[in-house]
C-alpha atoms as a PDB file:
ATOM      1  CA  MET A   1       0.000   0.000   0.000  1.00  0.00           C
ATOM      2  CA  LYS A   2       2.821   2.328   0.913  1.00  0.00           C
ATOM      3  CA  SER A   3       4.480   1.504  -2.397  1.00  0.00           C
ATOM      4  CA  LYS A   4       1.374   2.439  -4.368  1.00  0.00           C
ATOM      5  CA  ASN A   5       1.074   5.758  -2.505  1.00  0.00           C
ATOM      6  CA  THR A   6       4.703   6.498  -3.182  1.00  0.00           C
ATOM      7  CA  VAL A   7       4.233   5.835  -6.901  1.00  0.00           C
ATOM      8  CA  GLY A   8       1.087   7.979  -6.969  1.00  0.00           C
ATOM      9  CA  ILE A   9       2.834  10.867  -5.234  1.00  0.00           C
ATOM     10  CA  ALA A  10       5.779  10.561  -7.615  1.00  0.00           C
ATOM     11  CA  LEU A  11       3.496  10.620 -10.668  1.00  0.00           C
ATOM     12  CA  ALA A  12       1.580  13.596  -9.343  1.00  0.00           C
ATOM     13  CA  GLY A  13       4.809  15.405  -8.630  1.00  0.00           C
ATOM     14  CA  GLY A  14       6.021  14.642 -12.153  1.00  0.00           C
ATOM     15  CA  LEU A  15       2.846  16.095 -13.656  1.00  0.00           C
ATOM     16  CA  LEU A  16       3.156  19.228 -11.556  1.00  0.00           C
ATOM     17  CA  LEU A  17       6.739  19.682 -12.683  1.00  0.00           C
ATOM     18  CA  ALA A  18       5.853  19.075 -16.321  1.00  0.00           C
ATOM     19  CA  ALA A  19       3.063  21.635 -16.418  1.00  0.00           C
ATOM     20  CA  PRO A  20       5.167  24.799 -16.136  1.00  0.00           C
ATOM     21  CA  VAL A  21       7.747  23.411 -18.574  1.00  0.00           C
ATOM     22  CA  PHE A  22       5.008  22.766 -21.170  1.00  0.00           C
ATOM     23  CA  ALA A  23       3.458  26.161 -20.525  1.00  0.00           C
ATOM     24  CA  GLN A  24       6.686  27.793 -21.649  1.00  0.00           C
ATOM     25  CA  GLN A  25       6.691  26.240 -25.137  1.00  0.00           C
ATOM     26  CA  VAL A  26       7.423  29.034 -27.614  1.00  0.00           C
ATOM     27  CA  ALA A  27       7.172  28.953 -31.413  1.00  0.00           C
ATOM     28  CA  THR A  28       8.747  31.768 -33.434  1.00  0.00           C
ATOM     29  CA  TYR A  29       7.880  32.937 -36.932  1.00  0.00           C
ATOM     30  CA  ARG A  30       9.151  35.620 -39.314  1.00  0.00           C
ATOM     31  CA  ALA A  31       6.665  37.654 -41.339  1.00  0.00           C
ATOM     32  CA  GLN A  32       6.487  37.735 -45.108  1.00  0.00           C
ATOM     33  CA  ILE A  33       6.774  41.423 -46.044  1.00  0.00           C
ATOM     34  CA  ARG A  34       4.852  42.320 -49.178  1.00  0.00           C
ATOM     35  CA  GLY A  35       4.105  45.827 -50.396  1.00  0.00           C
ATOM     36  CA  GLY A  36       4.663  49.049 -48.476  1.00  0.00           C
ATOM     37  CA  GLY A  37       3.041  52.420 -47.880  1.00  0.00           C
ATOM     38  CA  ASP A  38       2.367  54.656 -44.893  1.00  0.00           C
ATOM     39  CA  HIS A  39      -0.542  52.559 -43.583  1.00  0.00           C
ATOM     40  CA  GLY A  40       0.691  49.372 -41.901  1.00  0.00           C
ATOM     41  CA  LYS A  41      -1.117  46.044 -41.633  1.00  0.00           C
ATOM     42  CA  CYS A  42      -0.318  42.466 -40.601  1.00  0.00           C
ATOM     43  CA  THR A  43      -2.598  39.446 -40.943  1.00  0.00           C
ATOM     44  CA  ILE A  44      -1.757  36.586 -38.553  1.00  0.00           C
ATOM     45  CA  GLU A  45      -3.219  33.078 -38.731  1.00  0.00           C
ATOM     46  CA  VAL A  46      -2.514  30.400 -36.106  1.00  0.00           C
ATOM     47  CA  ASP A  47      -3.787  27.027 -34.802  1.00  0.00           C
ATOM     48  CA  VAL A  48      -4.789  26.928 -31.129  1.00  0.00           C
ATOM     49  CA  ASP A  49      -6.174  24.139 -28.921  1.00  0.00           C
ATOM     50  CA  GLY A  50      -6.342  25.716 -25.478  1.00  0.00           C
ATOM     51  CA  VAL A  51      -4.846  29.090 -24.549  1.00  0.00           C
ATOM     52  CA  ALA A  52      -1.990  30.892 -26.329  1.00  0.00           C
ATOM     53  CA  GLU A  53      -0.401  34.332 -26.358  1.00  0.00           C
ATOM     54  CA  ILE A  54       1.104  35.817 -29.519  1.00  0.00           C
ATOM     55  CA  GLU A  55       3.707  38.588 -29.428  1.00  0.00           C
ATOM     56  CA  ILE A  56       4.417  40.679 -32.531  1.00  0.00           C
ATOM     57  CA  GLN A  57       7.543  42.860 -32.659  1.00  0.00           C
ATOM     58  CA  GLY A  58       8.931  44.274 -35.892  1.00  0.00           C
ATOM     59  CA  ASP A  59       8.738  41.411 -38.404  1.00  0.00           C
ATOM     60  CA  GLN A  60       8.970  38.691 -35.744  1.00  0.00           C
ATOM     61  CA  GLY A  61       6.204  36.654 -34.092  1.00  0.00           C
ATOM     62  CA  ARG A  62       6.476  34.606 -30.863  1.00  0.00           C
ATOM     63  CA  MET A  63       3.664  32.298 -29.754  1.00  0.00           C
ATOM     64  CA  ARG A  64       3.561  30.836 -26.239  1.00  0.00           C
ATOM     65  CA  THR A  65       1.227  27.919 -25.457  1.00  0.00           C
ATOM     66  CA  LEU A  66      -0.196  28.449 -21.965  1.00  0.00           C
ATOM     67  CA  SER A  67      -2.527  25.410 -21.846  1.00  0.00           C
ATOM     68  CA  GLY A  68      -3.832  22.639 -24.083  1.00  0.00           C
ATOM     69  CA  ASN A  69      -1.977  21.147 -27.035  1.00  0.00           C
ATOM     70  CA  PRO A  70       0.927  23.018 -28.656  1.00  0.00           C
ATOM     71  CA  SER A  71      -0.172  25.927 -30.836  1.00  0.00           C
ATOM     72  CA  GLY A  72       1.203  26.433 -34.355  1.00  0.00           C
ATOM     73  CA  TRP A  73       1.747  29.142 -36.949  1.00  0.00           C
ATOM     74  CA  ARG A  74      -0.033  29.177 -40.299  1.00  0.00           C
ATOM     75  CA  ARG A  75       1.024  32.546 -41.680  1.00  0.00           C
ATOM     76  CA  MET A  76       2.046  36.099 -40.828  1.00  0.00           C
ATOM     77  CA  GLU A  77       1.857  38.538 -43.725  1.00  0.00           C
ATOM     78  CA  CYS A  78       2.622  42.261 -43.389  1.00  0.00           C
ATOM     79  CA  ASN A  79       3.080  45.144 -45.791  1.00  0.00           C
ATOM     80  CA  GLN A  80       5.771  46.498 -43.440  1.00  0.00           C
ATOM     81  CA  PRO A  81       7.257  45.575 -40.030  1.00  0.00           C
ATOM     82  CA  LEU A  82       5.463  46.839 -36.927  1.00  0.00           C
ATOM     83  CA  PRO A  83       7.311  50.036 -35.861  1.00  0.00           C
ATOM     84  CA  PRO A  84       8.469  50.626 -32.247  1.00  0.00           C
ATOM     85  CA  ASN A  85       5.824  53.299 -31.577  1.00  0.00           C
ATOM     86  CA  PRO A  86       2.932  52.852 -34.049  1.00  0.00           C
ATOM     87  CA  GLN A  87       0.327  55.587 -34.320  1.00  0.00           C
ATOM     88  CA  GLY A  88      -3.382  54.742 -34.377  1.00  0.00           C
ATOM     89  CA  PHE A  89      -2.833  51.060 -33.581  1.00  0.00           C
ATOM     90  CA  ARG A  90      -5.890  48.818 -34.073  1.00  0.00           C
ATOM     91  CA  PHE A  91      -6.572  45.121 -33.430  1.00  0.00           C
ATOM     92  CA  SER A  92      -9.443  43.070 -34.854  1.00  0.00           C
ATOM     93  CA  GLY A  93     -10.284  39.374 -34.568  1.00  0.00           C
ATOM     94  CA  VAL A  94     -11.254  38.023 -37.988  1.00  0.00           C
ATOM     95  CA  ASP A  95     -11.983  34.314 -37.580  1.00  0.00           C
ATOM     96  CA  GLY A  96     -12.112  31.613 -34.888  1.00  0.00           C
ATOM     97  CA  ARG A  97     -14.663  30.081 -32.495  1.00  0.00           C
ATOM     98  CA  GLY A  98     -13.102  31.355 -29.272  1.00  0.00           C
ATOM     99  CA  ARG A  99     -12.054  34.661 -27.734  1.00  0.00           C
ATOM    100  CA  GLN A 100      -9.290  36.915 -29.085  1.00  0.00           C
ATOM    101  CA  THR A 101      -8.088  39.780 -26.884  1.00  0.00           C
ATOM    102  CA  LEU A 102      -5.441  42.471 -27.281  1.00  0.00           C
ATOM    103  CA  LEU A 103      -3.548  42.316 -23.981  1.00  0.00           C
ATOM    104  CA  ARG A 104      -0.911  44.964 -24.699  1.00  0.00           C
ATOM    105  CA  ASP A 105      -0.823  47.805 -27.188  1.00  0.00           C
ATOM    106  CA  PRO A 106       2.669  48.178 -28.749  1.00  0.00           C
ATOM    107  CA  SER A 107       2.476  51.964 -28.343  1.00  0.00           C
ATOM    108  CA  SER A 108       2.725  51.516 -24.551  1.00  0.00           C
ATOM    109  CA  ASN A 109       4.679  48.242 -24.520  1.00  0.00           C
ATOM    110  CA  ARG A 110       7.987  49.129 -26.214  1.00  0.00           C
ATOM    111  CA  GLY A 111       6.767  48.182 -29.663  1.00  0.00           C
ATOM    112  CA  VAL A 112       5.432  44.720 -28.737  1.00  0.00           C
ATOM    113  CA  ALA A 113       1.793  43.795 -29.438  1.00  0.00           C
ATOM    114  CA  VAL A 114       0.446  40.920 -27.317  1.00  0.00           C
ATOM    115  CA  VAL A 115      -2.721  39.009 -28.288  1.00  0.00           C
ATOM    116  CA  ARG A 116      -4.331  36.269 -26.191  1.00  0.00           C
ATOM    117  CA  ILE A 117      -6.420  33.498 -27.800  1.00  0.00           C
ATOM    118  CA  GLU A 118      -8.691  31.231 -25.734  1.00  0.00           C
ATOM    119  CA  ASP A 119     -10.121  28.204 -27.554  1.00  0.00           C
ATOM    120  CA  PRO A 120     -13.065  26.729 -25.563  1.00  0.00           C
ATOM    121  CA  GLN A 121     -13.467  23.358 -27.335  1.00  0.00           C
ATOM    122  CA  GLY A 122     -11.332  20.306 -27.876  1.00  0.00           C
ATOM    123  CA  GLY A 123      -9.282  20.016 -31.051  1.00  0.00           C
ATOM    124  CA  HIS A 124      -7.272  22.590 -32.937  1.00  0.00           C
ATOM    125  CA  GLU A 125      -9.042  25.621 -34.390  1.00  0.00           C
ATOM    126  CA  GLY A 126      -7.721  28.157 -36.882  1.00  0.00           C
ATOM    127  CA  TYR A 127      -7.701  31.775 -35.685  1.00  0.00           C
ATOM    128  CA  THR A 128      -7.062  34.865 -37.802  1.00  0.00           C
ATOM    129  CA  PHE A 129      -6.570  38.434 -36.619  1.00  0.00           C
ATOM    130  CA  ASP A 130      -5.374  41.738 -38.088  1.00  0.00           C
ATOM    131  CA  ILE A 131      -3.268  44.507 -36.593  1.00  0.00           C
ATOM    132  CA  GLU A 132      -3.149  47.898 -38.308  1.00  0.00           C
ATOM    133  CA  TRP A 133      -1.522  51.261 -37.707  1.00  0.00           C
ATOM    134  CA  GLY A 134      -1.029  54.648 -39.337  1.00  0.00           C
ATOM    135  CA  GLY A 135       2.158  56.367 -40.456  1.00  0.00           C
ATOM    136  CA  GLY A 136       5.061  57.383 -38.263  1.00  0.00           C
ATOM    137  CA  GLY A 137       6.264  55.557 -35.192  1.00  0.00           C
ATOM    138  CA  GLY A 138       9.891  55.244 -36.249  1.00  0.00           C
ATOM    139  CA  GLY A 139      11.598  52.738 -38.469  1.00  0.00           C
ATOM    140  CA  TYR A 140      12.657  49.155 -37.921  1.00  0.00           C
ATOM    141  CA  ARG A 141      15.770  47.334 -38.960  1.00  0.00           C
ATOM    142  CA  PRO A 142      15.911  43.535 -39.296  1.00  0.00           C
ATOM    143  CA  ASP A 143      19.276  43.253 -37.521  1.00  0.00           C
ATOM    144  CA  GLY A 144      17.700  44.425 -34.250  1.00  0.00           C
ATOM    145  CA  PRO A 145      13.965  43.940 -33.509  1.00  0.00           C
ATOM    146  CA  GLY A 146      12.371  47.235 -32.582  1.00  0.00           C
ATOM    147  CA  ARG A 147      15.564  49.202 -33.225  1.00  0.00           C
ATOM    148  CA  PRO A 148      14.905  52.475 -35.092  1.00  0.00           C
ATOM    149  CA  ILE A 149      16.638  53.023 -38.409  1.00  0.00           C
ATOM    150  CA  GLU A 150      19.191  55.801 -38.171  1.00  0.00           C
ATOM    151  CA  PRO A 151      18.542  58.677 -40.585  1.00  0.00           C
ATOM    152  CA  PRO A 152      20.351  58.001 -43.878  1.00  0.00           C
ATOM    153  CA  ILE A 153      23.673  59.819 -44.058  1.00  0.00           C
ATOM    154  CA  VAL A 154      24.697  61.252 -47.416  1.00  0.00           C
ATOM    155  CA  ASP A 155      27.019  63.982 -46.208  1.00  0.00           C
ATOM    156  CA  ARG A 156      28.334  63.232 -42.726  1.00  0.00           C
ATOM    157  CA  GLY A 157      29.426  66.833 -42.383  1.00  0.00           C
ATOM    158  CA  ARG A 158      25.813  68.041 -42.467  1.00  0.00           C
ATOM    159  CA  ASP A 159      23.552  68.173 -39.411  1.00  0.00           C
ATOM    160  CA  ASP A 160      20.486  67.341 -41.518  1.00  0.00           C
ATOM    161  CA  GLY A 161      21.866  63.871 -42.379  1.00  0.00           C
ATOM    162  CA  GLY A 162      21.348  64.496 -46.084  1.00  0.00           C
ATOM    163  CA  PHE A 163      17.699  65.529 -45.851  1.00  0.00           C
ATOM    164  CA  ARG A 164      16.958  69.050 -47.106  1.00  0.00           C
ATOM    165  CA  ARG A 165      14.442  71.778 -46.345  1.00  0.00           C
ATOM    166  CA  ASN A 166      11.719  72.424 -48.894  1.00  0.00           C
ATOM    167  CA  ARG A 167      10.329  75.829 -49.893  1.00  0.00           C
ATOM    168  CA  ASP A 168       8.044  75.879 -46.841  1.00  0.00           C
ATOM    169  CA  GLY A 169      11.028  75.533 -44.520  1.00  0.00           C
ATOM    170  CA  ARG A 170      10.107  71.974 -43.484  1.00  0.00           C
ATOM    171  CA  TRP A 171      12.397  68.966 -43.759  1.00  0.00           C
ATOM    172  CA  ASP A 172      11.813  66.688 -46.740  1.00  0.00           C
ATOM    173  CA  ASP A 173      10.665  63.176 -45.872  1.00  0.00           C
ATOM    174  CA  ASP A 174      12.910  61.382 -48.343  1.00  0.00           C
ATOM    175  CA  ILE A 175      16.189  61.402 -50.259  1.00  0.00           C
ATOM    176  CA  ARG A 176      16.210  60.804 -54.001  1.00  0.00           C
ATOM    177  CA  PHE A 177      19.012  59.461 -56.170  1.00  0.00           C
ATOM    178  CA  THR A 178      18.989  59.171 -59.959  1.00  0.00           C
ATOM    179  CA  GLY A 179      21.158  57.568 -62.589  1.00  0.00           C
ATOM    180  CA  ARG A 180      21.523  57.421 -66.376  1.00  0.00           C
ATOM    181  CA  GLY A 181      22.722  54.061 -67.569  1.00  0.00           C
ATOM    182  CA  ASP A 182      21.601  50.681 -68.822  1.00  0.00           C
ATOM    183  CA  GLY A 183      21.273  47.085 -67.728  1.00  0.00           C
ATOM    184  CA  ASN A 184      19.135  43.950 -67.873  1.00  0.00           C
ATOM    185  CA  PHE A 185      16.522  42.151 -65.816  1.00  0.00           C
ATOM    186  CA  ASN A 186      16.545  38.391 -66.615  1.00  0.00           C
ATOM    187  CA  ASP A 187      13.687  36.485 -64.991  1.00  0.00           C
ATOM    188  CA  PHE A 188      14.298  33.046 -66.599  1.00  0.00           C
ATOM    189  CA  ARG A 189      10.561  32.370 -66.084  1.00  0.00           C
ATOM    190  CA  GLY A 190       9.102  35.231 -68.086  1.00  0.00           C
ATOM    191  CA  PRO A 191       9.987  38.114 -70.379  1.00  0.00           C
ATOM    192  CA  ASP A 192      13.318  39.890 -69.867  1.00  0.00           C
ATOM    193  CA  ASP A 193      13.667  43.662 -69.773  1.00  0.00           C
ATOM    194  CA  ARG A 194      16.316  46.043 -71.033  1.00  0.00           C
ATOM    195  CA  LEU A 195      16.767  48.730 -68.362  1.00  0.00           C
ATOM    196  CA  TYR A 196      17.723  52.365 -68.768  1.00  0.00           C
ATOM    197  CA  ASP A 197      17.460  55.364 -66.406  1.00  0.00           C
ATOM    198  CA  CYS A 198      16.748  54.660 -62.723  1.00  0.00           C
ATOM    199  CA  ASP A 199      15.249  56.554 -59.794  1.00  0.00           C
ATOM    200  CA  VAL A 200      15.890  55.589 -56.145  1.00  0.00           C
ATOM    201  CA  THR A 201      13.974  57.020 -53.153  1.00  0.00           C
ATOM    202  CA  VAL A 202      14.658  56.364 -49.454  1.00  0.00           C
ATOM    203  CA  ASP A 203      12.327  57.877 -46.853  1.00  0.00           C
ATOM    204  CA  ARG A 204      12.790  58.482 -43.138  1.00  0.00           C
ATOM    205  CA  ARG A 205      10.820  55.336 -42.253  1.00  0.00           C
ATOM    206  CA  GLY A 206      13.235  53.112 -44.196  1.00  0.00           C
ATOM    207  CA  THR A 207      11.006  52.508 -47.214  1.00  0.00           C
ATOM    208  CA  VAL A 208      12.974  52.126 -50.463  1.00  0.00           C
ATOM    209  CA  THR A 209      11.546  52.470 -53.979  1.00  0.00           C
ATOM    210  CA  VAL A 210      13.572  51.791 -57.139  1.00  0.00           C
ATOM    211  CA  THR A 211      12.123  52.476 -60.600  1.00  0.00           C
ATOM    212  CA  PHE A 212      13.708  51.717 -63.982  1.00  0.00           C
ATOM    213  CA  GLN A 213      12.688  52.889 -67.432  1.00  0.00           C
ATOM    214  CA  THR A 214      12.546  49.942 -69.819  1.00  0.00           C
ATOM    215  CA  ALA A 215      13.026  49.493 -73.574  1.00  0.00           C
ATOM    216  CA  ARG A 216       9.296  48.790 -73.846  1.00  0.00           C
ATOM    217  CA  ARG A 217       8.616  52.344 -72.593  1.00  0.00           C
ATOM    218  CA  THR A 218       7.203  51.038 -69.344  1.00  0.00           C
ATOM    219  CA  GLN A 219       8.461  51.226 -65.774  1.00  0.00           C
ATOM    220  CA  LEU A 220       9.834  48.364 -63.668  1.00  0.00           C
ATOM    221  CA  THR A 221       9.434  49.143 -59.954  1.00  0.00           C
ATOM    222  CA  PHE A 222      10.794  47.437 -56.830  1.00  0.00           C
ATOM    223  CA  ASN A 223       9.713  48.259 -53.258  1.00  0.00           C
ATOM    224  CA  GLY A 224      11.176  47.213 -49.940  1.00  0.00           C
ATOM    225  CA  ARG A 225      12.829  48.010 -46.632  1.00  0.00           C
ATOM    226  CA  LEU A 226      16.237  49.504 -45.881  1.00  0.00           C
ATOM    227  CA  THR A 227      18.741  47.193 -44.159  1.00  0.00           C
ATOM    228  CA  ARG A 228      21.950  49.233 -44.547  1.00  0.00           C
ATOM    229  CA  PHE A 229      22.823  52.788 -45.596  1.00  0.00           C
ATOM    230  CA  ASP A 230      26.422  53.992 -45.911  1.00  0.00           C
ATOM    231  CA  ARG A 231      27.873  56.974 -47.726  1.00  0.00           C
ATOM    232  CA  ASP A 232      28.103  55.114 -51.039  1.00  0.00           C
ATOM    233  CA  LEU A 233      26.003  51.949 -50.514  1.00  0.00           C
ATOM    234  CA  ILE A 234      22.330  51.198 -49.950  1.00  0.00           C
ATOM    235  CA  VAL A 235      21.244  47.638 -49.171  1.00  0.00           C
ATOM    236  CA  ALA A 236      17.530  46.816 -49.051  1.00  0.00           C
ATOM    237  CA  ASP A 237      15.210  43.796 -48.984  1.00  0.00           C
ATOM    238  CA  MET A 238      13.238  44.393 -52.194  1.00  0.00           C
ATOM    239  CA  SER A 239      10.425  42.797 -54.191  1.00  0.00           C
ATOM    240  CA  GLY A 240       8.793  43.405 -57.562  1.00  0.00           C
ATOM    241  CA  ARG A 241       7.750  41.644 -60.793  1.00  0.00           C
ATOM    242  CA  GLY A 242       7.220  38.405 -58.869  1.00  0.00           C
ATOM    243  CA  VAL A 243      10.759  38.224 -57.422  1.00  0.00           C
ATOM    244  CA  ARG A 244      12.327  39.084 -54.081  1.00  0.00           C
ATOM    245  CA  GLY A 245      15.860  39.490 -52.780  1.00  0.00           C
ATOM    246  CA  SER A 246      18.566  41.738 -51.394  1.00  0.00           C
ATOM    247  CA  MET A 247      19.370  44.685 -53.663  1.00  0.00           C
ATOM    248  CA  GLU A 248      22.685  46.564 -53.531  1.00  0.00           C
ATOM    249  CA  ILE A 249      22.639  50.148 -54.793  1.00  0.00           C
ATOM    250  CA  ARG A 250      26.000  51.910 -55.142  1.00  0.00           C
ATOM    251  CA  LEU A 251      26.286  55.698 -55.152  1.00  0.00           C
ATOM    252  CA  ASN A 252      28.927  58.226 -56.071  1.00  0.00           C
ATOM    253  CA  GLY A 253      28.804  59.651 -52.528  1.00  0.00           C
ATOM    254  CA  ARG A 254      26.360  62.395 -53.515  1.00  0.00           C
ATOM    255  CA  ASP A 255      23.085  62.009 -55.400  1.00  0.00           C
ATOM    256  CA  ARG A 256      23.971  59.749 -58.339  1.00  0.00           C
ATOM    257  CA  VAL A 257      23.499  55.986 -58.713  1.00  0.00           C
ATOM    258  CA  THR A 258      26.431  54.096 -60.254  1.00  0.00           C
ATOM    259  CA  ASP A 259      25.526  50.391 -59.916  1.00  0.00           C
ATOM    260  CA  ILE A 260      22.528  48.256 -58.948  1.00  0.00           C
ATOM    261  CA  ALA A 261      22.612  44.481 -58.459  1.00  0.00           C
ATOM    262  CA  MET A 262      20.041  41.932 -57.290  1.00  0.00           C
ATOM    263  CA  SER A 263      19.815  38.175 -57.945  1.00  0.00           C
ATOM    264  CA  ALA A 264      18.704  34.768 -56.708  1.00  0.00           C
ATOM    265  CA  THR A 265      19.477  31.148 -57.617  1.00  0.00           C
ATOM    266  CA  GLY A 266      17.541  27.894 -57.719  1.00  0.00           C
ATOM    267  CA  ARG A 267      13.855  27.723 -58.544  1.00  0.00           C
ATOM    268  CA  GLU A 268      13.475  31.474 -57.914  1.00  0.00           C
ATOM    269  CA  ARG A 269      16.400  32.311 -60.209  1.00  0.00           C
ATOM    270  CA  PHE A 270      16.626  35.834 -61.608  1.00  0.00           C
ATOM    271  CA  GLU A 271      19.323  38.441 -62.214  1.00  0.00           C
ATOM    272  CA  LEU A 272      19.236  42.241 -62.313  1.00  0.00           C
ATOM    273  CA  ARG A 273      22.337  44.211 -63.302  1.00  0.00           C
ATOM    274  CA  TRP A 274      22.467  47.938 -64.035  1.00  0.00           C
ATOM    275  CA  ARG A 275      25.436  50.319 -64.445  1.00  0.00           C
ATOM    276  CA  ARG A 276      25.882  53.971 -65.131  1.00  0.00           C
END
């Protein structure tokens, strides 16, 4: 009898010890960034069977299972990373049988949004929710979640960091670079393009836009987010025409573009090369 009690106590103790360990299970996920613009939005879809909390910071998601079976990610799609101090932040539950609650607003939680999902029935259920925000709130750089992008420096001897005042006396919101040259965009899955003059814009929020004139008298445009900005080099995570990758834009140290390169291998193979 004593032996059975000892075994029962041991099993109960094991379950008690296992509970907090399980409750700390965390699954991470990185958002797919598509598009851009001043208005930000992320759509998050997860599987929950019990209770889970989801944290969103920048382009990273962390999901902690608090009870029930382990939760899982389905998707996280954003048109831009969540900034450290978003303006006009809004949360809305889109789909799911249980309760979805915004526990912490990123504007008052150091740029971290926290959503709690409570699934009342047995078995996994898909839940979808949106977070949205207006312009401003600082930039975000992938090499440090929630870390603001430093203002681009074109002339390190200038206090304005390369940004200039317009006719109204206010600071411009972006820096523009142009270049006359030629190059090629080879998709290997579709029509190629002969490229000519280019236009590059970088704004204070880290949004980068690159537009080429083509031989077909159309424009080829890429949009993305700044990852590095030196005196003569811009590096950005860019997408356009069905491709995505890291684009390197070389400058002459002032306002002219000298080289642009972007490529990928494998099934997503493409190559973009442009020179002044």
